[in-house]
Amino acid sequence: MRMMLKVSIPTEDGNRAIKDGSQPQAIERVMADLTPEAAYFTAEAGRRTAFIFLDVAHSSDMPLVAERFFLT
């Protein structure tokens, strides 16, 4: 089933992760794992935000998909 995952990163944490280089590496790693159909990166309400479109076999797989971002 096609799903949209919205990821919102707090500004201060995102700025710190950009400066130390961890955010680009983490996003690259997650994108390689998820193999999304499309991903759009923008700002929403002053926060770095990603809209990621991907196919998920079962709705029960969504926690596994989202957990990658919680840990990163």
PDB file of N, CA and C in Angstrom:
ATOM      1  N   MET A   1       0.844  -1.155   0.000  1.00  0.00           N
ATOM      2  CA  MET A   1       0.000   0.000   0.000  1.00  0.00           C
ATOM      3  C   MET A   1       0.896   1.227   0.000  1.00  0.00           C
ATOM      4  N   ARG A   2       0.521   2.216  -0.745  1.00  0.00           N
ATOM      5  CA  ARG A   2       1.294   3.453  -0.842  1.00  0.00           C
ATOM      6  C   ARG A   2       0.998   4.313   0.390  1.00  0.00           C
ATOM      7  N   MET A   3       2.075   4.808   0.999  1.00  0.00           N
ATOM      8  CA  MET A   3       1.948   5.603   2.214  1.00  0.00           C
ATOM      9  C   MET A   3       2.759   6.890   2.063  1.00  0.00           C
ATOM     10  N   MET A   4       2.337   7.909   2.803  1.00  0.00           N
ATOM     11  CA  MET A   4       3.128   9.126   2.901  1.00  0.00           C
ATOM     12  C   MET A   4       3.601   9.241   4.341  1.00  0.00           C
ATOM     13  N   LEU A   5       4.891   9.413   4.497  1.00  0.00           N
ATOM     14  CA  LEU A   5       5.485   9.597   5.813  1.00  0.00           C
ATOM     15  C   LEU A   5       5.943  11.046   5.905  1.00  0.00           C
ATOM     16  N   LYS A   6       5.485  11.748   6.919  1.00  0.00           N
ATOM     17  CA  LYS A   6       5.896  13.136   7.124  1.00  0.00           C
ATOM     18  C   LYS A   6       6.865  13.152   8.304  1.00  0.00           C
ATOM     19  N   VAL A   7       8.055  13.689   8.054  1.00  0.00           N
ATOM     20  CA  VAL A   7       9.085  13.768   9.086  1.00  0.00           C
ATOM     21  C   VAL A   7       9.373  15.241   9.343  1.00  0.00           C
ATOM     22  N   SER A   8       9.264  15.644  10.592  1.00  0.00           N
ATOM     23  CA  SER A   8       9.514  17.030  10.973  1.00  0.00           C
ATOM     24  C   SER A   8      10.653  17.049  11.993  1.00  0.00           C
ATOM     25  N   ILE A   9      11.660  17.870  11.723  1.00  0.00           N
ATOM     26  CA  ILE A   9      12.850  17.924  12.566  1.00  0.00           C
ATOM     27  C   ILE A   9      12.886  19.268  13.285  1.00  0.00           C
ATOM     28  N   PRO A  10      12.985  19.260  14.620  1.00  0.00           N
ATOM     29  CA  PRO A  10      13.080  20.521  15.356  1.00  0.00           C
ATOM     30  C   PRO A  10      14.260  21.363  14.857  1.00  0.00           C
ATOM     31  N   THR A  11      14.061  22.655  14.758  1.00  0.00           N
ATOM     32  CA  THR A  11      15.049  23.555  14.157  1.00  0.00           C
ATOM     33  C   THR A  11      16.419  23.470  14.825  1.00  0.00           C
ATOM     34  N   GLU A  12      16.477  23.603  16.138  1.00  0.00           N
ATOM     35  CA  GLU A  12      17.771  23.603  16.825  1.00  0.00           C
ATOM     36  C   GLU A  12      18.497  22.271  16.659  1.00  0.00           C
ATOM     37  N   ASP A  13      17.769  21.167  16.822  1.00  0.00           N
ATOM     38  CA  ASP A  13      18.387  19.850  16.656  1.00  0.00           C
ATOM     39  C   ASP A  13      18.835  19.642  15.212  1.00  0.00           C
ATOM     40  N   GLY A  14      18.014  20.082  14.269  1.00  0.00           N
ATOM     41  CA  GLY A  14      18.357  19.952  12.856  1.00  0.00           C
ATOM     42  C   GLY A  14      19.584  20.761  12.490  1.00  0.00           C
ATOM     43  N   ASN A  15      19.674  21.996  12.996  1.00  0.00           N
ATOM     44  CA  ASN A  15      20.841  22.836  12.731  1.00  0.00           C
ATOM     45  C   ASN A  15      22.114  22.197  13.280  1.00  0.00           C
ATOM     46  N   ARG A  16      22.024  21.669  14.481  1.00  0.00           N
ATOM     47  CA  ARG A  16      23.179  21.018  15.103  1.00  0.00           C
ATOM     48  C   ARG A  16      23.612  19.789  14.296  1.00  0.00           C
ATOM     49  N   ALA A  17      22.636  18.997  13.845  1.00  0.00           N
ATOM     50  CA  ALA A  17      22.940  17.787  13.070  1.00  0.00           C
ATOM     51  C   ALA A  17      23.502  18.119  11.690  1.00  0.00           C
ATOM     52  N   ILE A  18      23.058  19.213  11.109  1.00  0.00           N
ATOM     53  CA  ILE A  18      23.614  19.650   9.824  1.00  0.00           C
ATOM     54  C   ILE A  18      25.072  20.058  10.011  1.00  0.00           C
ATOM     55  N   LYS A  19      25.333  20.834  11.058  1.00  0.00           N
ATOM     56  CA  LYS A  19      26.696  21.327  11.304  1.00  0.00           C
ATOM     57  C   LYS A  19      27.680  20.203  11.591  1.00  0.00           C
ATOM     58  N   ASP A  20      27.245  19.185  12.345  1.00  0.00           N
ATOM     59  CA  ASP A  20      28.186  18.102  12.667  1.00  0.00           C
ATOM     60  C   ASP A  20      28.206  16.998  11.605  1.00  0.00           C
ATOM     61  N   GLY A  21      27.349  17.143  10.580  1.00  0.00           N
ATOM     62  CA  GLY A  21      27.362  16.205   9.456  1.00  0.00           C
ATOM     63  C   GLY A  21      26.562  14.939   9.664  1.00  0.00           C
ATOM     64  N   SER A  22      25.918  14.791  10.804  1.00  0.00           N
ATOM     65  CA  SER A  22      25.187  13.542  11.073  1.00  0.00           C
ATOM     66  C   SER A  22      23.841  13.459  10.345  1.00  0.00           C
ATOM     67  N   GLN A  23      23.186  14.586  10.133  1.00  0.00           N
ATOM     68  CA  GLN A  23      21.870  14.530   9.485  1.00  0.00           C
ATOM     69  C   GLN A  23      21.938  14.076   8.029  1.00  0.00           C
ATOM     70  N   PRO A  24      22.808  14.629   7.201  1.00  0.00           N
ATOM     71  CA  PRO A  24      22.862  14.147   5.819  1.00  0.00           C
ATOM     72  C   PRO A  24      23.192  12.650   5.725  1.00  0.00           C
ATOM     73  N   GLN A  25      24.092  12.194   6.589  1.00  0.00           N
ATOM     74  CA  GLN A  25      24.438  10.773   6.584  1.00  0.00           C
ATOM     75  C   GLN A  25      23.243   9.917   6.998  1.00  0.00           C
ATOM     76  N   ALA A  26      22.527  10.356   8.023  1.00  0.00           N
ATOM     77  CA  ALA A  26      21.372   9.604   8.509  1.00  0.00           C
ATOM     78  C   ALA A  26      20.272   9.559   7.453  1.00  0.00           C
ATOM     79  N   ILE A  27      20.004  10.671   6.802  1.00  0.00           N
ATOM     80  CA  ILE A  27      18.955  10.704   5.783  1.00  0.00           C
ATOM     81  C   ILE A  27      19.344   9.825   4.600  1.00  0.00           C
ATOM     82  N   GLU A  28      20.589   9.881   4.206  1.00  0.00           N
ATOM     83  CA  GLU A  28      21.053   9.038   3.098  1.00  0.00           C
ATOM     84  C   GLU A  28      20.888   7.555   3.438  1.00  0.00           C
ATOM     85  N   ARG A  29      21.237   7.182   4.655  1.00  0.00           N
ATOM     86  CA  ARG A  29      21.124   5.790   5.098  1.00  0.00           C
ATOM     87  C   ARG A  29      19.657   5.335   5.132  1.00  0.00           C
ATOM     88  N   VAL A  30      18.787   6.180   5.670  1.00  0.00           N
ATOM     89  CA  VAL A  30      17.365   5.835   5.761  1.00  0.00           C
ATOM     90  C   VAL A  30      16.745   5.741   4.368  1.00  0.00           C
ATOM     91  N   MET A  31      17.088   6.674   3.483  1.00  0.00           N
ATOM     92  CA  MET A  31      16.554   6.634   2.119  1.00  0.00           C
ATOM     93  C   MET A  31      17.004   5.362   1.390  1.00  0.00           C
ATOM     94  N   ALA A  32      18.229   4.946   1.607  1.00  0.00           N
ATOM     95  CA  ALA A  32      18.715   3.712   0.982  1.00  0.00           C
ATOM     96  C   ALA A  32      17.948   2.501   1.505  1.00  0.00           C
ATOM     97  N   ASP A  33      17.605   2.514   2.795  1.00  0.00           N
ATOM     98  CA  ASP A  33      16.846   1.398   3.382  1.00  0.00           C
ATOM     99  C   ASP A  33      15.394   1.382   2.919  1.00  0.00           C
ATOM    100  N   LEU A  34      14.778   2.555   2.847  1.00  0.00           N
ATOM    101  CA  LEU A  34      13.348   2.636   2.527  1.00  0.00           C
ATOM    102  C   LEU A  34      13.052   2.551   1.030  1.00  0.00           C
ATOM    103  N   THR A  35      13.995   2.950   0.205  1.00  0.00           N
ATOM    104  CA  THR A  35      13.807   3.056  -1.248  1.00  0.00           C
ATOM    105  C   THR A  35      12.449   3.687  -1.598  1.00  0.00           C
ATOM    106  N   PRO A  36      12.263   4.957  -1.213  1.00  0.00           N
ATOM    107  CA  PRO A  36      10.978   5.617  -1.459  1.00  0.00           C
ATOM    108  C   PRO A  36      10.739   5.864  -2.941  1.00  0.00           C
ATOM    109  N   GLU A  37       9.467   5.960  -3.287  1.00  0.00           N
ATOM    110  CA  GLU A  37       9.078   6.325  -4.649  1.00  0.00           C
ATOM    111  C   GLU A  37       9.441   7.779  -4.919  1.00  0.00           C
ATOM    112  N   ALA A  38       9.255   8.626  -3.898  1.00  0.00           N
ATOM    113  CA  ALA A  38       9.595  10.048  -4.001  1.00  0.00           C
ATOM    114  C   ALA A  38       9.823  10.587  -2.601  1.00  0.00           C
ATOM    115  N   ALA A  39      10.645  11.626  -2.517  1.00  0.00           N
ATOM    116  CA  ALA A  39      10.889  12.299  -1.238  1.00  0.00           C
ATOM    117  C   ALA A  39      11.057  13.784  -1.511  1.00  0.00           C
ATOM    118  N   TYR A  40      10.345  14.596  -0.763  1.00  0.00           N
ATOM    119  CA  TYR A  40      10.392  16.042  -0.923  1.00  0.00           C
ATOM    120  C   TYR A  40      10.809  16.660   0.403  1.00  0.00           C
ATOM    121  N   PHE A  41      11.792  17.541   0.346  1.00  0.00           N
ATOM    122  CA  PHE A  41      12.315  18.191   1.541  1.00  0.00           C
ATOM    123  C   PHE A  41      11.986  19.675   1.449  1.00  0.00           C
ATOM    124  N   THR A  42      11.420  20.197   2.538  1.00  0.00           N
ATOM    125  CA  THR A  42      10.977  21.587   2.548  1.00  0.00           C
ATOM    126  C   THR A  42      10.982  22.104   3.981  1.00  0.00           C
ATOM    127  N   ALA A  43      10.511  23.306   4.173  1.00  0.00           N
ATOM    128  CA  ALA A  43      10.315  23.862   5.515  1.00  0.00           C
ATOM    129  C   ALA A  43       8.811  24.011   5.737  1.00  0.00           C
ATOM    130  N   GLU A  44       8.381  23.648   6.910  1.00  0.00           N
ATOM    131  CA  GLU A  44       6.970  23.792   7.264  1.00  0.00           C
ATOM    132  C   GLU A  44       6.907  24.278   8.708  1.00  0.00           C
ATOM    133  N   ALA A  45       6.276  25.400   8.912  1.00  0.00           N
ATOM    134  CA  ALA A  45       6.160  26.006  10.242  1.00  0.00           C
ATOM    135  C   ALA A  45       7.534  26.197  10.887  1.00  0.00           C
ATOM    136  N   GLY A  46       8.523  26.557  10.072  1.00  0.00           N
ATOM    137  CA  GLY A  46       9.856  26.838  10.572  1.00  0.00           C
ATOM    138  C   GLY A  46      10.705  25.619  10.890  1.00  0.00           C
ATOM    139  N   ARG A  47      10.239  24.429  10.525  1.00  0.00           N
ATOM    140  CA  ARG A  47      10.986  23.200  10.804  1.00  0.00           C
ATOM    141  C   ARG A  47      11.357  22.512   9.499  1.00  0.00           C
ATOM    142  N   ARG A  48      12.518  21.866   9.491  1.00  0.00           N
ATOM    143  CA  ARG A  48      12.883  21.037   8.337  1.00  0.00           C
ATOM    144  C   ARG A  48      11.888  19.886   8.278  1.00  0.00           C
ATOM    145  N   THR A  49      11.320  19.673   7.100  1.00  0.00           N
ATOM    146  CA  THR A  49      10.272  18.674   6.956  1.00  0.00           C
ATOM    147  C   THR A  49      10.505  17.867   5.684  1.00  0.00           C
ATOM    148  N   ALA A  50      10.238  16.579   5.764  1.00  0.00           N
ATOM    149  CA  ALA A  50      10.332  15.696   4.602  1.00  0.00           C
ATOM    150  C   ALA A  50       8.989  15.004   4.419  1.00  0.00           C
ATOM    151  N   PHE A  51       8.564  14.914   3.177  1.00  0.00           N
ATOM    152  CA  PHE A  51       7.393  14.131   2.798  1.00  0.00           C
ATOM    153  C   PHE A  51       7.929  12.975   1.962  1.00  0.00           C
ATOM    154  N   ILE A  52       7.775  11.771   2.482  1.00  0.00           N
ATOM    155  CA  ILE A  52       8.360  10.596   1.847  1.00  0.00           C
ATOM    156  C   ILE A  52       7.231   9.663   1.436  1.00  0.00           C
ATOM    157  N   PHE A  53       7.222   9.294   0.162  1.00  0.00           N
ATOM    158  CA  PHE A  53       6.189   8.423  -0.384  1.00  0.00           C
ATOM    159  C   PHE A  53       6.811   7.064  -0.665  1.00  0.00           C
ATOM    160  N   LEU A  54       6.206   6.023  -0.076  1.00  0.00           N
ATOM    161  CA  LEU A  54       6.770   4.693  -0.227  1.00  0.00           C
ATOM    162  C   LEU A  54       5.686   3.640  -0.181  1.00  0.00           C
ATOM    163  N   ASP A  55       6.035   2.470  -0.661  1.00  0.00           N
ATOM    164  CA  ASP A  55       5.130   1.327  -0.591  1.00  0.00           C
ATOM    165  C   ASP A  55       5.464   0.517   0.651  1.00  0.00           C
ATOM    166  N   VAL A  56       4.424   0.177   1.399  1.00  0.00           N
ATOM    167  CA  VAL A  56       4.567  -0.632   2.604  1.00  0.00           C
ATOM    168  C   VAL A  56       3.663  -1.843   2.425  1.00  0.00           C
ATOM    169  N   ALA A  57       4.219  -3.024   2.640  1.00  0.00           N
ATOM    170  CA  ALA A  57       3.453  -4.256   2.415  1.00  0.00           C
ATOM    171  C   ALA A  57       2.215  -4.329   3.314  1.00  0.00           C
ATOM    172  N   HIS A  58       2.392  -4.049   4.597  1.00  0.00           N
ATOM    173  CA  HIS A  58       1.292  -4.132   5.565  1.00  0.00           C
ATOM    174  C   HIS A  58       1.342  -2.920   6.490  1.00  0.00           C
ATOM    175  N   SER A  59       0.199  -2.494   6.953  1.00  0.00           N
ATOM    176  CA  SER A  59       0.170  -1.346   7.863  1.00  0.00           C
ATOM    177  C   SER A  59       0.940  -1.646   9.148  1.00  0.00           C
ATOM    178  N   SER A  60       1.079  -2.901   9.500  1.00  0.00           N
ATOM    179  CA  SER A  60       1.840  -3.265  10.698  1.00  0.00           C
ATOM    180  C   SER A  60       3.338  -2.992  10.529  1.00  0.00           C
ATOM    181  N   ASP A  61       3.791  -2.733   9.296  1.00  0.00           N
ATOM    182  CA  ASP A  61       5.198  -2.405   9.044  1.00  0.00           C
ATOM    183  C   ASP A  61       5.513  -0.936   9.307  1.00  0.00           C
ATOM    184  N   MET A  62       4.510  -0.094   9.475  1.00  0.00           N
ATOM    185  CA  MET A  62       4.740   1.334   9.651  1.00  0.00           C
ATOM    186  C   MET A  62       5.613   1.668  10.870  1.00  0.00           C
ATOM    187  N   PRO A  63       5.435   1.006  12.022  1.00  0.00           N
ATOM    188  CA  PRO A  63       6.338   1.320  13.139  1.00  0.00           C
ATOM    189  C   PRO A  63       7.808   1.073  12.794  1.00  0.00           C
ATOM    190  N   LEU A  64       8.092   0.055  12.019  1.00  0.00           N
ATOM    191  CA  LEU A  64       9.473  -0.223  11.614  1.00  0.00           C
ATOM    192  C   LEU A  64      10.008   0.882  10.715  1.00  0.00           C
ATOM    193  N   VAL A  65       9.149   1.416   9.869  1.00  0.00           N
ATOM    194  CA  VAL A  65       9.550   2.509   8.979  1.00  0.00           C
ATOM    195  C   VAL A  65       9.799   3.775   9.793  1.00  0.00           C
ATOM    196  N   ALA A  66       8.870   4.128  10.648  1.00  0.00           N
ATOM    197  CA  ALA A  66       8.977   5.358  11.433  1.00  0.00           C
ATOM    198  C   ALA A  66      10.093   5.284  12.465  1.00  0.00           C
ATOM    199  N   GLU A  67      10.343   4.114  13.010  1.00  0.00           N
ATOM    200  CA  GLU A  67      11.358   3.967  14.055  1.00  0.00           C
ATOM    201  C   GLU A  67      12.739   4.412  13.582  1.00  0.00           C
ATOM    202  N   ARG A  68      13.023   4.269  12.306  1.00  0.00           N
ATOM    203  CA  ARG A  68      14.310   4.720  11.771  1.00  0.00           C
ATOM    204  C   ARG A  68      14.520   6.213  12.030  1.00  0.00           C
ATOM    205  N   PHE A  69      13.458   6.976  11.942  1.00  0.00           N
ATOM    206  CA  PHE A  69      13.565   8.419  12.177  1.00  0.00           C
ATOM    207  C   PHE A  69      13.587   8.740  13.668  1.00  0.00           C
ATOM    208  N   PHE A  70      12.880   7.966  14.481  1.00  0.00           N
ATOM    209  CA  PHE A  70      12.898   8.211  15.923  1.00  0.00           C
ATOM    210  C   PHE A  70      14.307   8.005  16.471  1.00  0.00           C
ATOM    211  N   LEU A  71      14.999   6.989  15.970  1.00  0.00           N
ATOM    212  CA  LEU A  71      16.344   6.679  16.463  1.00  0.00           C
ATOM    213  C   LEU A  71      17.398   7.621  15.911  1.00  0.00           C
ATOM    214  N   THR A  72      17.103   8.251  14.778  1.00  0.00           N
ATOM    215  CA  THR A  72      18.061   9.154  14.145  1.00  0.00           C
ATOM    216  C   THR A  72      17.852  10.548  14.648  1.00  0.00           C
TER     217      THR A  72
END
